[in-house]
Amino acid sequence: MLSTKIKEATKKAHQELEAKVVRKLKAIRSDQDYADLLKYFYAYFSALEKEMLPFITADVLPDYASRRNSGFLKRDIEELGGDINNLPPVTVPEISNEIAALGALYVMEGSIMGGPHIVQMLQKGGINKGISFFSGYGETTGKMWGTFTEVLNRSAESEEEELVAITAANETFSNFSEVFGAYKMV
């Protein structure tokens, strides 16, 4: 299954990104710190969504419009008293077809699975608002992930297409990790 192949092939890039994000989360001391961190998520996810837009349609993923997106990040930032001005520069993978878009979306949708742990970390640090993005789909998170992976697993019809999805996922992880490499708390 393609979802399993992507998971194995992106393990290193995923772990590197996760380590950076966890360090940043542990350094949060205020709503402003958290809002500043979310700007990096927003900048990257909104740019990636624009790159994927022509390829992820309701025909490809029927519930795409109801999935978590950068709009949740924007609302969280604003709830924390921040805004989306002065966003950091980001580089996203070039997405030129549906298979690559699904590979990139694997990373975005997969980030939901760790969301409850992030919410717990934030709450331990006294952050109790601006958590809609990391709250994911609540009780339906597993179902939503299952729906996505079914679509992903049906999408590639050859090893070449699988490689396209894997490459896009790896680039998505790596480019997102580079964003956090430049991040400094203000």
C-alpha atoms as a PDB file:
ATOM      1  CA  MET A   1       0.000   0.000   0.000  1.00  0.00           C
ATOM      2  CA  LEU A   2       1.240   3.437  -0.930  1.00  0.00           C
ATOM      3  CA  SER A   3       0.505   4.967   2.475  1.00  0.00           C
ATOM      4  CA  THR A   4       2.783   2.391   4.124  1.00  0.00           C
ATOM      5  CA  LYS A   5       5.515   2.948   1.530  1.00  0.00           C
ATOM      6  CA  ILE A   6       5.367   6.715   2.079  1.00  0.00           C
ATOM      7  CA  LYS A   7       5.516   6.269   5.842  1.00  0.00           C
ATOM      8  CA  GLU A   8       8.670   4.143   5.564  1.00  0.00           C
ATOM      9  CA  ALA A   9      10.320   6.309   2.912  1.00  0.00           C
ATOM     10  CA  THR A  10       9.732   9.562   4.824  1.00  0.00           C
ATOM     11  CA  LYS A  11      10.581   8.318   8.292  1.00  0.00           C
ATOM     12  CA  LYS A  12      13.869  10.256   8.588  1.00  0.00           C
ATOM     13  CA  ALA A  13      12.473  13.541   7.217  1.00  0.00           C
ATOM     14  CA  HIS A  14       9.401  13.165   9.441  1.00  0.00           C
ATOM     15  CA  GLN A  15      11.510  12.623  12.561  1.00  0.00           C
ATOM     16  CA  GLU A  16      13.725  15.623  11.775  1.00  0.00           C
ATOM     17  CA  LEU A  17      10.710  17.895  11.362  1.00  0.00           C
ATOM     18  CA  GLU A  18       9.024  16.522  14.470  1.00  0.00           C
ATOM     19  CA  ALA A  19      12.136  17.124  16.596  1.00  0.00           C
ATOM     20  CA  LYS A  20      12.304  20.761  15.475  1.00  0.00           C
ATOM     21  CA  VAL A  21       8.611  21.371  16.109  1.00  0.00           C
ATOM     22  CA  VAL A  22       8.723  19.794  19.567  1.00  0.00           C
ATOM     23  CA  ARG A  23      11.706  21.988  20.552  1.00  0.00           C
ATOM     24  CA  LYS A  24       9.786  25.073  19.404  1.00  0.00           C
ATOM     25  CA  LEU A  25       6.650  23.989  21.256  1.00  0.00           C
ATOM     26  CA  LYS A  26       8.594  23.435  24.475  1.00  0.00           C
ATOM     27  CA  ALA A  27       9.996  26.977  24.248  1.00  0.00           C
ATOM     28  CA  ILE A  28       6.536  28.612  24.145  1.00  0.00           C
ATOM     29  CA  ARG A  29       5.917  30.820  27.180  1.00  0.00           C
ATOM     30  CA  SER A  30       2.980  32.983  26.083  1.00  0.00           C
ATOM     31  CA  ASP A  31       0.082  33.324  23.673  1.00  0.00           C
ATOM     32  CA  GLN A  32       2.302  35.617  21.586  1.00  0.00           C
ATOM     33  CA  ASP A  33       5.042  32.972  21.373  1.00  0.00           C
ATOM     34  CA  TYR A  34       2.459  30.441  20.230  1.00  0.00           C
ATOM     35  CA  ALA A  35       0.908  32.833  17.686  1.00  0.00           C
ATOM     36  CA  ASP A  36       4.404  33.522  16.301  1.00  0.00           C
ATOM     37  CA  LEU A  37       5.036  29.779  15.926  1.00  0.00           C
ATOM     38  CA  LEU A  38       1.687  29.275  14.191  1.00  0.00           C
ATOM     39  CA  LYS A  39       2.686  31.852  11.577  1.00  0.00           C
ATOM     40  CA  TYR A  40       5.299  29.396  10.340  1.00  0.00           C
ATOM     41  CA  PHE A  41       2.673  26.669  10.039  1.00  0.00           C
ATOM     42  CA  TYR A  42       0.293  29.090   8.320  1.00  0.00           C
ATOM     43  CA  ALA A  43       2.888  30.381   5.856  1.00  0.00           C
ATOM     44  CA  TYR A  44       3.874  26.875   4.826  1.00  0.00           C
ATOM     45  CA  PHE A  45       0.440  25.256   4.758  1.00  0.00           C
ATOM     46  CA  SER A  46      -1.224  28.115   2.880  1.00  0.00           C
ATOM     47  CA  ALA A  47       1.546  28.122   0.234  1.00  0.00           C
ATOM     48  CA  LEU A  48       1.329  24.339  -0.105  1.00  0.00           C
ATOM     49  CA  GLU A  49      -2.464  24.465  -0.413  1.00  0.00           C
ATOM     50  CA  LYS A  50      -2.152  26.937  -3.287  1.00  0.00           C
ATOM     51  CA  GLU A  51       0.321  24.649  -5.036  1.00  0.00           C
ATOM     52  CA  MET A  52      -2.011  21.642  -4.619  1.00  0.00           C
ATOM     53  CA  LEU A  53      -5.244  23.486  -5.444  1.00  0.00           C
ATOM     54  CA  PRO A  54      -5.498  22.548  -9.134  1.00  0.00           C
ATOM     55  CA  PHE A  55      -5.064  18.847  -8.360  1.00  0.00           C
ATOM     56  CA  ILE A  56      -7.003  18.053  -5.177  1.00  0.00           C
ATOM     57  CA  THR A  57     -10.633  18.371  -6.195  1.00  0.00           C
ATOM     58  CA  ALA A  58     -13.870  16.883  -4.912  1.00  0.00           C
ATOM     59  CA  ASP A  59     -13.502  14.251  -7.642  1.00  0.00           C
ATOM     60  CA  VAL A  60     -10.179  13.182  -6.129  1.00  0.00           C
ATOM     61  CA  LEU A  61     -11.060  13.560  -2.429  1.00  0.00           C
ATOM     62  CA  PRO A  62     -14.814  14.112  -2.004  1.00  0.00           C
ATOM     63  CA  ASP A  63     -14.551  15.522   1.543  1.00  0.00           C
ATOM     64  CA  TYR A  64     -11.583  17.822   0.809  1.00  0.00           C
ATOM     65  CA  ALA A  65     -13.603  20.997   1.476  1.00  0.00           C
ATOM     66  CA  SER A  66     -14.395  19.805   5.004  1.00  0.00           C
ATOM     67  CA  ARG A  67     -10.808  18.977   5.900  1.00  0.00           C
ATOM     68  CA  ARG A  68      -8.584  21.030   8.154  1.00  0.00           C
ATOM     69  CA  ASN A  69      -6.655  23.719   6.303  1.00  0.00           C
ATOM     70  CA  SER A  70      -4.644  26.896   6.801  1.00  0.00           C
ATOM     71  CA  GLY A  71      -7.848  28.801   7.583  1.00  0.00           C
ATOM     72  CA  PHE A  72      -7.843  27.056  10.971  1.00  0.00           C
ATOM     73  CA  LEU A  73      -4.318  28.351  11.582  1.00  0.00           C
ATOM     74  CA  LYS A  74      -5.346  31.891  10.663  1.00  0.00           C
ATOM     75  CA  ARG A  75      -8.244  31.765  13.114  1.00  0.00           C
ATOM     76  CA  ASP A  76      -5.991  30.359  15.841  1.00  0.00           C
ATOM     77  CA  ILE A  77      -3.420  33.117  15.291  1.00  0.00           C
ATOM     78  CA  GLU A  78      -6.136  35.776  15.462  1.00  0.00           C
ATOM     79  CA  GLU A  79      -7.694  34.190  18.569  1.00  0.00           C
ATOM     80  CA  LEU A  80      -4.292  34.525  20.219  1.00  0.00           C
ATOM     81  CA  GLY A  81      -4.189  38.228  19.337  1.00  0.00           C
ATOM     82  CA  GLY A  82      -1.843  37.883  16.375  1.00  0.00           C
ATOM     83  CA  ASP A  83      -2.203  38.485  12.649  1.00  0.00           C
ATOM     84  CA  ILE A  84      -0.861  36.969   9.458  1.00  0.00           C
ATOM     85  CA  ASN A  85       1.350  39.908   8.526  1.00  0.00           C
ATOM     86  CA  ASN A  86       5.117  39.492   8.231  1.00  0.00           C
ATOM     87  CA  LEU A  87       5.048  35.811   7.375  1.00  0.00           C
ATOM     88  CA  PRO A  88       8.331  33.971   6.961  1.00  0.00           C
ATOM     89  CA  PRO A  89       9.465  32.996   3.486  1.00  0.00           C
ATOM     90  CA  VAL A  90       8.763  29.390   2.577  1.00  0.00           C
ATOM     91  CA  THR A  91       9.618  27.015  -0.219  1.00  0.00           C
ATOM     92  CA  VAL A  92       7.145  24.290  -1.076  1.00  0.00           C
ATOM     93  CA  PRO A  93       7.586  21.379  -3.453  1.00  0.00           C
ATOM     94  CA  GLU A  94       6.533  21.872  -7.033  1.00  0.00           C
ATOM     95  CA  ILE A  95       3.264  20.011  -7.463  1.00  0.00           C
ATOM     96  CA  SER A  96       2.454  19.212 -11.077  1.00  0.00           C
ATOM     97  CA  ASN A  97      -0.104  16.419 -10.846  1.00  0.00           C
ATOM     98  CA  GLU A  98      -2.653  14.678  -8.648  1.00  0.00           C
ATOM     99  CA  ILE A  99      -0.233  11.997  -7.398  1.00  0.00           C
ATOM    100  CA  ALA A 100       2.305  14.577  -6.184  1.00  0.00           C
ATOM    101  CA  ALA A 101      -0.486  16.591  -4.574  1.00  0.00           C
ATOM    102  CA  LEU A 102      -1.675  13.522  -2.677  1.00  0.00           C
ATOM    103  CA  GLY A 103       1.903  12.859  -1.536  1.00  0.00           C
ATOM    104  CA  ALA A 104       2.117  16.385  -0.133  1.00  0.00           C
ATOM    105  CA  LEU A 105      -1.347  16.082   1.389  1.00  0.00           C
ATOM    106  CA  TYR A 106      -0.165  12.925   3.168  1.00  0.00           C
ATOM    107  CA  VAL A 107       2.118  15.147   5.251  1.00  0.00           C
ATOM    108  CA  MET A 108      -0.583  17.730   5.965  1.00  0.00           C
ATOM    109  CA  GLU A 109      -3.219  15.156   6.890  1.00  0.00           C
ATOM    110  CA  GLY A 110      -0.695  13.109   8.847  1.00  0.00           C
ATOM    111  CA  SER A 111       0.095  16.113  11.021  1.00  0.00           C
ATOM    112  CA  ILE A 112      -3.385  15.739  12.473  1.00  0.00           C
ATOM    113  CA  MET A 113      -2.460  12.456  14.078  1.00  0.00           C
ATOM    114  CA  GLY A 114       0.041  14.152  16.394  1.00  0.00           C
ATOM    115  CA  GLY A 115      -2.297  17.052  17.123  1.00  0.00           C
ATOM    116  CA  PRO A 116      -3.696  15.743  20.434  1.00  0.00           C
ATOM    117  CA  HIS A 117      -0.155  15.418  21.818  1.00  0.00           C
ATOM    118  CA  ILE A 118       0.613  18.985  20.770  1.00  0.00           C
ATOM    119  CA  VAL A 119      -2.590  20.238  22.419  1.00  0.00           C
ATOM    120  CA  GLN A 120      -1.565  18.457  25.645  1.00  0.00           C
ATOM    121  CA  MET A 121       1.919  20.032  25.511  1.00  0.00           C
ATOM    122  CA  LEU A 122       0.405  23.465  24.982  1.00  0.00           C
ATOM    123  CA  GLN A 123      -2.116  23.069  27.783  1.00  0.00           C
ATOM    124  CA  LYS A 124       0.619  21.959  30.202  1.00  0.00           C
ATOM    125  CA  GLY A 125       2.338  25.244  29.348  1.00  0.00           C
ATOM    126  CA  GLY A 126      -0.824  27.249  30.036  1.00  0.00           C
ATOM    127  CA  ILE A 127      -1.941  27.690  26.398  1.00  0.00           C
ATOM    128  CA  ASN A 128      -5.662  26.945  26.190  1.00  0.00           C
ATOM    129  CA  LYS A 129      -6.837  28.831  23.130  1.00  0.00           C
ATOM    130  CA  GLY A 130      -5.906  28.877  19.479  1.00  0.00           C
ATOM    131  CA  ILE A 131      -5.836  25.092  19.289  1.00  0.00           C
ATOM    132  CA  SER A 132      -8.434  24.357  16.595  1.00  0.00           C
ATOM    133  CA  PHE A 133      -5.800  23.424  14.017  1.00  0.00           C
ATOM    134  CA  PHE A 134      -4.114  20.881  16.269  1.00  0.00           C
ATOM    135  CA  SER A 135      -7.446  19.541  17.507  1.00  0.00           C
ATOM    136  CA  GLY A 136      -7.920  18.016  14.064  1.00  0.00           C
ATOM    137  CA  TYR A 137     -11.202  16.249  13.496  1.00  0.00           C
ATOM    138  CA  GLY A 138     -11.877  15.296  17.102  1.00  0.00           C
ATOM    139  CA  GLU A 139     -13.548  11.902  17.406  1.00  0.00           C
ATOM    140  CA  THR A 140     -13.607  11.430  13.636  1.00  0.00           C
ATOM    141  CA  THR A 141      -9.840  11.838  13.184  1.00  0.00           C
ATOM    142  CA  GLY A 142      -9.253   8.122  12.618  1.00  0.00           C
ATOM    143  CA  LYS A 143     -12.101   7.904  10.126  1.00  0.00           C
ATOM    144  CA  MET A 144     -10.862  10.958   8.206  1.00  0.00           C
ATOM    145  CA  TRP A 145      -7.334   9.535   8.066  1.00  0.00           C
ATOM    146  CA  GLY A 146      -8.725   6.219   6.845  1.00  0.00           C
ATOM    147  CA  THR A 147     -10.708   7.939   4.101  1.00  0.00           C
ATOM    148  CA  PHE A 148      -7.646   9.850   2.972  1.00  0.00           C
ATOM    149  CA  THR A 149      -5.346   6.807   2.935  1.00  0.00           C
ATOM    150  CA  GLU A 150      -7.933   4.833   0.928  1.00  0.00           C
ATOM    151  CA  VAL A 151      -7.858   7.551  -1.737  1.00  0.00           C
ATOM    152  CA  LEU A 152      -4.061   7.713  -1.610  1.00  0.00           C
ATOM    153  CA  ASN A 153      -3.662   3.950  -1.874  1.00  0.00           C
ATOM    154  CA  ARG A 154      -5.943   3.811  -4.941  1.00  0.00           C
ATOM    155  CA  SER A 155      -4.241   6.739  -6.662  1.00  0.00           C
ATOM    156  CA  ALA A 156      -0.943   5.311  -7.890  1.00  0.00           C
ATOM    157  CA  GLU A 157      -1.164   2.803 -10.708  1.00  0.00           C
ATOM    158  CA  SER A 158       2.562   2.115 -11.117  1.00  0.00           C
ATOM    159  CA  GLU A 159       5.835   2.159  -9.223  1.00  0.00           C
ATOM    160  CA  GLU A 160       6.715   5.380 -11.053  1.00  0.00           C
ATOM    161  CA  GLU A 161       3.581   7.061  -9.706  1.00  0.00           C
ATOM    162  CA  GLU A 162       4.322   5.752  -6.230  1.00  0.00           C
ATOM    163  CA  LEU A 163       7.770   7.332  -6.487  1.00  0.00           C
ATOM    164  CA  VAL A 164       6.194  10.666  -7.469  1.00  0.00           C
ATOM    165  CA  ALA A 165       4.020  10.594  -4.323  1.00  0.00           C
ATOM    166  CA  ILE A 166       6.923   9.528  -2.104  1.00  0.00           C
ATOM    167  CA  THR A 167       9.184  12.241  -3.514  1.00  0.00           C
ATOM    168  CA  ALA A 168       6.520  14.914  -2.966  1.00  0.00           C
ATOM    169  CA  ALA A 169       5.964  13.747   0.618  1.00  0.00           C
ATOM    170  CA  ASN A 170       9.702  13.764   1.372  1.00  0.00           C
ATOM    171  CA  GLU A 171      10.093  17.238  -0.129  1.00  0.00           C
ATOM    172  CA  THR A 172       7.083  18.451   1.853  1.00  0.00           C
ATOM    173  CA  PHE A 173       8.620  17.231   5.113  1.00  0.00           C
ATOM    174  CA  SER A 174      12.090  18.575   4.258  1.00  0.00           C
ATOM    175  CA  ASN A 175      10.905  21.989   3.097  1.00  0.00           C
ATOM    176  CA  PHE A 176       8.701  22.360   6.160  1.00  0.00           C
ATOM    177  CA  SER A 177      11.647  21.418   8.349  1.00  0.00           C
ATOM    178  CA  GLU A 178      13.742  24.151   6.694  1.00  0.00           C
ATOM    179  CA  VAL A 179      11.085  26.695   7.697  1.00  0.00           C
ATOM    180  CA  PHE A 180      11.610  25.750  11.338  1.00  0.00           C
ATOM    181  CA  GLY A 181      15.358  25.783  10.947  1.00  0.00           C
ATOM    182  CA  ALA A 182      15.059  29.528  10.422  1.00  0.00           C
ATOM    183  CA  TYR A 183      12.564  30.055  13.264  1.00  0.00           C
ATOM    184  CA  LYS A 184      13.604  32.023  16.318  1.00  0.00           C
ATOM    185  CA  MET A 185      11.404  33.038  19.235  1.00  0.00           C
ATOM    186  CA  VAL A 186      10.964  36.780  19.545  1.00  0.00           C
END
